[in-house]
Amino acid sequence: MWCRFFILVALISEVSGITLRHGLDAGMGADLAERIDFAEVVQIEVGSAGGGGSSGSGVLLNSEWVLTAGHVVNAAGAGRMTISVNGTQRGVTDVFPNPGWVDDPAPGLGQGNDLMLLRLSEPISGAPVVPIWQGGGSGPLMGLMAGYGKGGNGLLGAYLSGGSLQAGLNVVDRFLSVGDGGFWVTDFDSGQVRHNTLNQATVDFRYFDIDGGDPLLSEAVFSILGNESLAGFNGLPTAADFFPGLGEEFAEGTTSRGDSGGPLFLYSEERARWELAGVTSFGVNPLYPAGFNRFDSRYGDLSFFADVSSQESWIKGVVIPEPSVVGFLVGALGLLWGRKRVRFSLN
């Protein structure tokens, strides 16, 4: 018994964050996170009025706006939040929930557009502008997820404390339309059929309540075959295919507690770049009964990401230029126009 325990411990990567397949290099999740050079993944600390609090993740859209999941913030006021960006801390001055988000304490599809925009108290200098997923692609979509949640592996689940940024890859198996938005879905495979949840014909739907009792939504989750991963991930893109130098391994991962609000990027072959497609909303493992490893991020886990691309107009409607920036642009245009007028008058 103890021998088996020590073997399992030896397979664990002593890092936190996204839960990866066992047996991978201990630093792969962190190495992947460092390669996200087109966006900043942030950590969000939310204090409660009675003391204590919670934490989540988010993505910096530009120098002063963060996108996260609505349930990360819930009813907390802007003054009770702290955003950490690579060690730099900022407060939050404004909170903008998506109109389609339902403040429901129970995670699931019933939360609707689980998205929220946060305005930072001060801009982050040098922050890039994150491209939003523009669609396209005929083959399987490769996703990259990141967050500050708990870490571990598929055998033992997420048991390591959070706080360190990690990332993982996964094939996005399907998209579920819900209202005017939707959810991207991935499953956490081990290479064995018994762990491939989306291809299980015998999933007990008593253990799979993600839809508020609507059986049609549960059927939609399982109506399309998922990624089989039967041959040890042979034929799937490796980490080195996207990030040279990371090794010929497929760093399949799933989200865990504390990753909520963290980004899901999809790779566009047409545009040769990663684009923001969703943020982590919730995860559940329908292979287990309620209260037994359903939320431990073990093999068989499903991750659901609230769609961002369908909400691009809402994002652009909220994330507008600062008045000072607008004033500067108007003044600059006026100066240029004035110069033109002087030039014309002299000719």
Protein backbone atom coordinates (compact mmCIF):
# COMPACT_ATOMS: atom_id res chain seq x y z
CA MET A 1 0.00 0.00 0.00
CA TRP A 2 2.71 2.47 1.01
CA CYS A 3 4.79 1.50 -2.01
CA ARG A 4 1.88 2.35 -4.27
CA PHE A 5 1.43 5.65 -2.44
CA PHE A 6 5.05 6.67 -3.00
CA ILE A 7 4.79 5.77 -6.69
CA LEU A 8 1.79 8.06 -7.03
CA VAL A 9 3.57 10.87 -5.20
CA ALA A 10 6.52 10.53 -7.57
CA LEU A 11 4.19 11.17 -10.49
CA ILE A 12 2.96 14.49 -9.08
CA SER A 13 4.28 17.80 -10.34
CA GLU A 14 4.89 19.95 -7.28
CA VAL A 15 3.27 23.03 -8.74
CA SER A 16 -0.15 24.65 -8.49
CA GLY A 17 -2.52 25.84 -11.19
CA ILE A 18 -4.05 23.87 -14.05
CA THR A 19 -4.24 20.13 -13.34
CA LEU A 20 -2.22 18.19 -15.94
CA ARG A 21 -1.82 14.55 -16.91
CA HIS A 22 0.45 12.59 -14.60
CA GLY A 23 4.02 11.89 -15.63
CA LEU A 24 4.63 15.26 -17.32
CA ASP A 25 7.64 17.43 -16.58
CA ALA A 26 7.06 19.35 -13.36
CA GLY A 27 7.67 22.71 -14.99
CA MET A 28 5.61 22.28 -18.15
CA GLY A 29 2.54 24.12 -16.86
CA ALA A 30 4.63 27.09 -15.77
CA ASP A 31 6.60 27.05 -19.03
CA LEU A 32 3.37 27.15 -21.02
CA ALA A 33 2.13 30.07 -18.95
CA GLU A 34 5.31 32.01 -19.63
CA ARG A 35 4.76 31.64 -23.37
CA ILE A 36 1.48 33.57 -23.23
CA ASP A 37 3.17 36.70 -24.51
CA PHE A 38 0.01 38.16 -26.10
CA ALA A 39 -2.02 38.51 -22.90
CA GLU A 40 -1.75 38.83 -19.16
CA VAL A 41 -3.50 36.36 -16.89
CA VAL A 42 -4.33 37.99 -13.56
CA GLN A 43 -5.18 36.79 -10.07
CA ILE A 44 -8.27 38.23 -8.39
CA GLU A 45 -8.70 38.42 -4.62
CA VAL A 46 -12.22 39.16 -3.39
CA GLY A 47 -12.72 40.14 0.26
CA SER A 48 -15.97 39.61 2.10
CA ALA A 49 -17.70 42.02 4.44
CA GLY A 50 -17.41 39.57 7.31
CA GLY A 51 -13.73 38.81 6.75
CA GLY A 52 -12.06 36.10 4.69
CA GLY A 53 -12.79 35.99 1.00
CA SER A 54 -12.14 34.06 -2.17
CA SER A 55 -9.88 34.15 -5.19
CA GLY A 56 -10.14 33.59 -8.92
CA SER A 57 -8.43 34.39 -12.19
CA GLY A 58 -9.00 36.75 -15.11
CA VAL A 59 -7.48 38.12 -18.28
CA LEU A 60 -6.23 41.64 -18.89
CA LEU A 61 -7.91 42.83 -22.11
CA ASN A 62 -5.85 46.01 -22.31
CA SER A 63 -4.10 48.42 -19.94
CA GLU A 64 -7.12 49.03 -17.68
CA TRP A 65 -9.77 46.37 -18.19
CA VAL A 66 -9.99 42.81 -16.87
CA LEU A 67 -12.45 40.16 -18.01
CA THR A 68 -13.41 37.41 -15.56
CA ALA A 69 -16.34 35.15 -14.68
CA GLY A 70 -19.38 36.75 -13.08
CA HIS A 71 -19.50 34.24 -10.24
CA VAL A 72 -15.93 35.11 -9.20
CA VAL A 73 -17.13 38.55 -8.13
CA ASN A 74 -20.82 37.84 -7.42
CA ALA A 75 -22.24 40.73 -5.38
CA ALA A 76 -18.89 42.00 -4.06
CA GLY A 77 -18.33 45.71 -4.50
CA ALA A 78 -15.43 47.10 -6.50
CA GLY A 79 -13.73 48.28 -3.33
CA ARG A 80 -13.30 44.74 -2.03
CA MET A 81 -11.25 43.46 -4.97
CA THR A 82 -7.52 43.38 -5.66
CA ILE A 83 -6.04 42.48 -9.04
CA SER A 84 -2.49 41.12 -9.21
CA VAL A 85 -0.67 41.33 -12.54
CA ASN A 86 2.79 39.76 -12.42
CA GLY A 87 3.27 41.03 -8.88
CA THR A 88 1.78 44.46 -9.58
CA GLN A 89 -1.42 45.15 -7.65
CA ARG A 90 -4.33 47.30 -8.68
CA GLY A 91 -7.71 48.10 -7.20
CA VAL A 92 -11.03 48.01 -9.04
CA THR A 93 -13.18 51.11 -9.55
CA ASP A 94 -16.08 49.75 -11.64
CA VAL A 95 -17.82 46.41 -12.09
CA PHE A 96 -19.87 45.58 -15.20
CA PRO A 97 -21.72 42.22 -15.18
CA ASN A 98 -22.87 40.81 -18.51
CA PRO A 99 -26.61 41.43 -18.97
CA GLY A 100 -27.11 37.72 -19.61
CA TRP A 101 -25.40 36.57 -16.40
CA VAL A 102 -27.57 35.04 -13.67
CA ASP A 103 -26.26 35.47 -10.11
CA ASP A 104 -26.82 31.85 -9.12
CA PRO A 105 -24.65 30.32 -6.37
CA ALA A 106 -24.93 26.89 -8.02
CA PRO A 107 -22.44 26.48 -10.90
CA GLY A 108 -23.87 25.33 -14.20
CA LEU A 109 -25.30 26.34 -17.53
CA GLY A 110 -28.09 28.17 -15.71
CA GLN A 111 -25.67 31.00 -14.95
CA GLY A 112 -25.96 32.11 -18.56
CA ASN A 113 -23.24 34.46 -19.82
CA ASP A 114 -20.93 34.03 -16.82
CA LEU A 115 -18.86 37.11 -17.64
CA MET A 116 -17.90 40.34 -15.88
CA LEU A 117 -15.70 43.31 -16.74
CA LEU A 118 -13.57 45.05 -14.11
CA ARG A 119 -12.04 48.48 -14.51
CA LEU A 120 -8.65 48.92 -12.85
CA SER A 121 -7.88 51.85 -10.57
CA GLU A 122 -4.69 52.55 -12.52
CA PRO A 123 -3.57 51.40 -15.99
CA ILE A 124 -0.96 48.70 -16.42
CA SER A 125 1.78 50.14 -18.60
CA GLY A 126 2.79 48.11 -21.62
CA ALA A 127 -0.23 45.80 -21.50
CA PRO A 128 -1.08 44.29 -24.89
CA VAL A 129 -4.54 44.29 -26.45
CA VAL A 130 -5.95 40.76 -26.49
CA PRO A 131 -7.50 39.57 -29.78
CA ILE A 132 -10.95 37.96 -29.44
CA TRP A 133 -11.75 34.72 -31.26
CA GLN A 134 -13.03 35.45 -34.77
CA GLY A 135 -14.10 31.92 -35.68
CA GLY A 136 -12.95 29.73 -38.55
CA GLY A 137 -11.07 26.47 -38.77
CA SER A 138 -12.20 23.12 -40.13
CA GLY A 139 -10.27 20.72 -37.89
CA PRO A 140 -10.22 20.15 -34.13
CA LEU A 141 -9.69 23.39 -32.23
CA MET A 142 -6.71 23.45 -29.90
CA GLY A 143 -7.32 25.34 -26.68
CA LEU A 144 -4.93 26.75 -24.10
CA MET A 145 -6.26 27.42 -20.58
CA ALA A 146 -4.54 29.28 -17.78
CA GLY A 147 -5.19 30.26 -14.19
CA TYR A 148 -4.01 30.56 -10.59
CA GLY A 149 -6.05 27.69 -9.17
CA LYS A 150 -5.07 24.47 -7.47
CA GLY A 151 -2.66 22.04 -9.08
CA GLY A 152 -2.11 18.31 -9.15
CA ASN A 153 -2.69 15.59 -11.73
CA GLY A 154 -5.40 13.41 -13.18
CA LEU A 155 -4.77 10.53 -10.81
CA LEU A 156 -5.05 12.38 -7.51
CA GLY A 157 -6.91 15.48 -8.63
CA ALA A 158 -6.22 19.08 -7.63
CA TYR A 159 -4.74 18.88 -4.16
CA LEU A 160 -1.91 21.46 -4.33
CA SER A 161 -2.61 24.98 -3.09
CA GLY A 162 -3.14 27.67 -5.72
CA GLY A 163 -1.40 30.95 -6.33
CA SER A 164 1.03 30.06 -9.11
CA LEU A 165 0.15 30.73 -12.76
CA GLN A 166 -0.05 27.53 -14.81
CA ALA A 167 -1.36 26.64 -18.26
CA GLY A 168 -2.41 23.51 -20.10
CA LEU A 169 -3.53 22.41 -23.55
CA ASN A 170 -6.70 20.57 -24.53
CA VAL A 171 -8.74 19.85 -27.61
CA VAL A 172 -12.04 21.75 -27.51
CA ASP A 173 -14.64 19.09 -28.12
CA ARG A 174 -17.77 21.15 -28.65
CA PHE A 175 -19.70 24.37 -28.25
CA LEU A 176 -23.06 24.57 -26.46
CA SER A 177 -25.39 27.44 -27.36
CA VAL A 178 -27.20 28.86 -24.34
CA GLY A 179 -29.32 31.96 -24.86
CA ASP A 180 -27.38 34.57 -26.80
CA GLY A 181 -24.10 33.07 -25.59
CA GLY A 182 -22.74 29.64 -24.92
CA PHE A 183 -20.02 27.45 -23.45
CA TRP A 184 -16.92 25.78 -24.89
CA VAL A 185 -16.36 22.29 -23.47
CA THR A 186 -13.22 20.19 -22.96
CA ASP A 187 -12.76 16.80 -21.30
CA PHE A 188 -9.76 15.52 -19.36
CA ASP A 189 -8.57 12.26 -20.92
CA SER A 190 -5.95 9.81 -19.70
CA GLY A 191 -5.69 7.82 -22.92
CA GLN A 192 -8.07 5.17 -21.57
CA VAL A 193 -11.66 4.72 -22.73
CA ARG A 194 -13.02 4.64 -19.19
CA HIS A 195 -11.83 8.20 -18.60
CA ASN A 196 -13.13 9.67 -21.85
CA THR A 197 -16.32 11.15 -20.42
CA LEU A 198 -17.69 12.61 -23.63
CA ASN A 199 -17.62 9.22 -25.30
CA GLN A 200 -19.18 7.32 -22.43
CA ALA A 201 -22.53 5.80 -23.39
CA THR A 202 -23.18 4.78 -19.80
CA VAL A 203 -22.77 8.09 -17.97
CA ASP A 204 -25.27 8.19 -15.12
CA PHE A 205 -27.20 11.43 -15.62
CA ARG A 206 -28.17 11.39 -11.96
CA TYR A 207 -24.61 12.56 -11.36
CA PHE A 208 -24.66 15.15 -14.11
CA ASP A 209 -26.80 18.11 -13.09
CA ILE A 210 -25.32 21.01 -15.02
CA ASP A 211 -28.45 22.18 -16.72
CA GLY A 212 -31.04 23.01 -14.11
CA GLY A 213 -33.02 19.85 -14.85
CA ASP A 214 -33.23 20.34 -18.60
CA PRO A 215 -32.37 16.90 -20.08
CA LEU A 216 -31.92 18.36 -23.57
CA LEU A 217 -28.82 20.26 -22.47
CA SER A 218 -27.31 17.14 -20.94
CA GLU A 219 -28.02 15.28 -24.14
CA ALA A 220 -26.31 18.03 -26.11
CA VAL A 221 -23.13 17.54 -24.09
CA PHE A 222 -22.94 13.89 -25.05
CA SER A 223 -24.44 14.02 -28.54
CA ILE A 224 -21.10 14.49 -30.35
CA LEU A 225 -18.08 12.25 -29.93
CA GLY A 226 -15.22 13.78 -28.02
CA ASN A 227 -11.49 13.39 -28.39
CA GLU A 228 -10.76 9.67 -28.03
CA SER A 229 -7.08 9.95 -27.05
CA LEU A 230 -6.82 6.16 -27.29
CA ALA A 231 -3.29 6.00 -28.70
CA GLY A 232 -1.52 7.94 -26.00
CA PHE A 233 -2.34 11.23 -27.76
CA ASN A 234 -0.50 10.20 -30.91
CA GLY A 235 -1.36 12.45 -33.83
CA LEU A 236 -2.41 15.38 -31.63
CA PRO A 237 -0.36 18.58 -31.66
CA THR A 238 2.29 18.66 -28.95
CA ALA A 239 3.37 21.59 -26.84
CA ALA A 240 6.41 22.02 -29.10
CA ASP A 241 4.15 22.46 -32.15
CA PHE A 242 2.93 25.73 -30.68
CA PHE A 243 5.78 26.68 -28.38
CA PRO A 244 9.17 25.43 -29.62
CA GLY A 245 11.41 24.08 -26.91
CA LEU A 246 8.72 22.71 -24.61
CA GLY A 247 9.13 19.09 -25.66
CA GLU A 248 7.21 16.53 -27.66
CA GLU A 249 4.41 16.03 -25.17
CA PHE A 250 0.73 16.81 -25.18
CA ALA A 251 0.19 18.76 -21.97
CA GLU A 252 -3.48 17.93 -21.60
CA GLY A 253 -5.00 19.68 -18.63
CA THR A 254 -8.23 20.71 -16.99
CA THR A 255 -9.28 23.61 -14.79
CA SER A 256 -9.55 23.46 -11.00
CA ARG A 257 -10.74 25.57 -8.07
CA GLY A 258 -9.31 29.08 -8.36
CA ASP A 259 -9.08 28.98 -12.16
CA SER A 260 -12.58 30.45 -12.55
CA GLY A 261 -12.43 33.55 -14.74
CA GLY A 262 -9.14 32.48 -16.31
CA PRO A 263 -8.88 32.55 -20.10
CA LEU A 264 -9.37 29.90 -22.76
CA PHE A 265 -7.45 30.75 -25.93
CA LEU A 266 -8.07 29.01 -29.26
CA TYR A 267 -5.40 28.73 -31.92
CA SER A 268 -6.33 30.11 -35.33
CA GLU A 269 -4.38 28.54 -38.17
CA GLU A 270 -5.78 31.14 -40.59
CA ARG A 271 -4.46 34.04 -38.51
CA ALA A 272 -1.52 32.15 -36.96
CA ARG A 273 -2.24 33.40 -33.45
CA TRP A 274 -4.00 32.57 -30.18
CA GLU A 275 -7.30 34.38 -29.59
CA LEU A 276 -9.45 34.73 -26.48
CA ALA A 277 -12.54 32.52 -26.83
CA GLY A 278 -13.82 32.01 -23.29
CA VAL A 279 -13.27 32.24 -19.55
CA THR A 280 -13.48 29.36 -17.08
CA SER A 281 -17.00 29.08 -15.68
CA PHE A 282 -17.19 25.69 -13.95
CA GLY A 283 -16.10 22.08 -14.07
CA VAL A 284 -17.69 18.77 -13.10
CA ASN A 285 -16.91 15.07 -13.39
CA PRO A 286 -20.08 13.08 -14.23
CA LEU A 287 -18.23 9.78 -13.77
CA TYR A 288 -18.55 10.20 -9.99
CA PRO A 289 -21.60 10.53 -7.71
CA ALA A 290 -22.32 13.78 -5.88
CA GLY A 291 -19.81 14.53 -3.15
CA PHE A 292 -17.23 12.04 -4.41
CA ASN A 293 -14.41 13.60 -6.46
CA ARG A 294 -16.85 15.39 -8.78
CA PHE A 295 -14.97 18.68 -8.40
CA ASP A 296 -11.42 17.41 -7.82
CA SER A 297 -10.28 17.80 -11.45
CA ARG A 298 -9.46 14.12 -11.97
CA TYR A 299 -9.50 12.22 -15.24
CA GLY A 300 -12.96 12.43 -16.77
CA ASP A 301 -13.44 16.03 -15.65
CA LEU A 302 -15.33 18.39 -17.98
CA SER A 303 -14.43 22.09 -18.12
CA PHE A 304 -16.98 24.66 -19.28
CA PHE A 305 -15.83 28.07 -20.53
CA ALA A 306 -18.28 30.96 -20.96
CA ASP A 307 -18.09 32.15 -24.57
CA VAL A 308 -16.45 35.53 -25.13
CA SER A 309 -16.69 35.85 -28.91
CA SER A 310 -20.51 36.07 -28.89
CA GLN A 311 -20.26 38.90 -26.35
CA GLU A 312 -17.74 41.02 -28.23
CA SER A 313 -20.25 43.82 -28.86
CA TRP A 314 -20.99 44.04 -25.12
CA ILE A 315 -17.27 44.15 -24.34
CA LYS A 316 -16.65 46.91 -26.89
CA GLY A 317 -19.65 48.82 -25.57
CA VAL A 318 -18.17 48.90 -22.06
CA VAL A 319 -14.45 49.06 -22.80
CA ILE A 320 -14.39 52.54 -24.36
CA PRO A 321 -11.50 55.02 -24.55
CA GLU A 322 -10.91 57.20 -21.52
CA PRO A 323 -12.22 60.80 -21.77
CA SER A 324 -8.65 62.04 -21.45
CA VAL A 325 -7.63 59.84 -24.38
CA VAL A 326 -10.61 60.98 -26.42
CA GLY A 327 -9.81 64.59 -25.60
CA PHE A 328 -6.22 64.09 -26.65
CA LEU A 329 -7.26 62.54 -29.95
CA VAL A 330 -9.78 65.30 -30.64
CA GLY A 331 -7.20 67.94 -29.78
CA ALA A 332 -4.59 66.29 -31.99
CA LEU A 333 -7.03 66.07 -34.89
CA GLY A 334 -7.98 69.70 -34.37
CA LEU A 335 -4.33 70.72 -34.42
CA LEU A 336 -3.75 68.81 -37.64
CA TRP A 337 -6.85 70.35 -39.20
CA GLY A 338 -5.73 73.80 -38.09
CA ARG A 339 -2.34 73.27 -39.72
CA LYS A 340 -4.05 72.20 -42.92
CA ARG A 341 -6.21 75.33 -42.88
CA VAL A 342 -3.16 77.55 -42.43
CA ARG A 343 -1.37 75.75 -45.25
CA PHE A 344 -4.32 76.13 -47.58
CA SER A 345 -4.65 79.82 -46.78
CA LEU A 346 -1.06 80.41 -47.74
CA ASN A 347 -1.32 78.77 -51.15
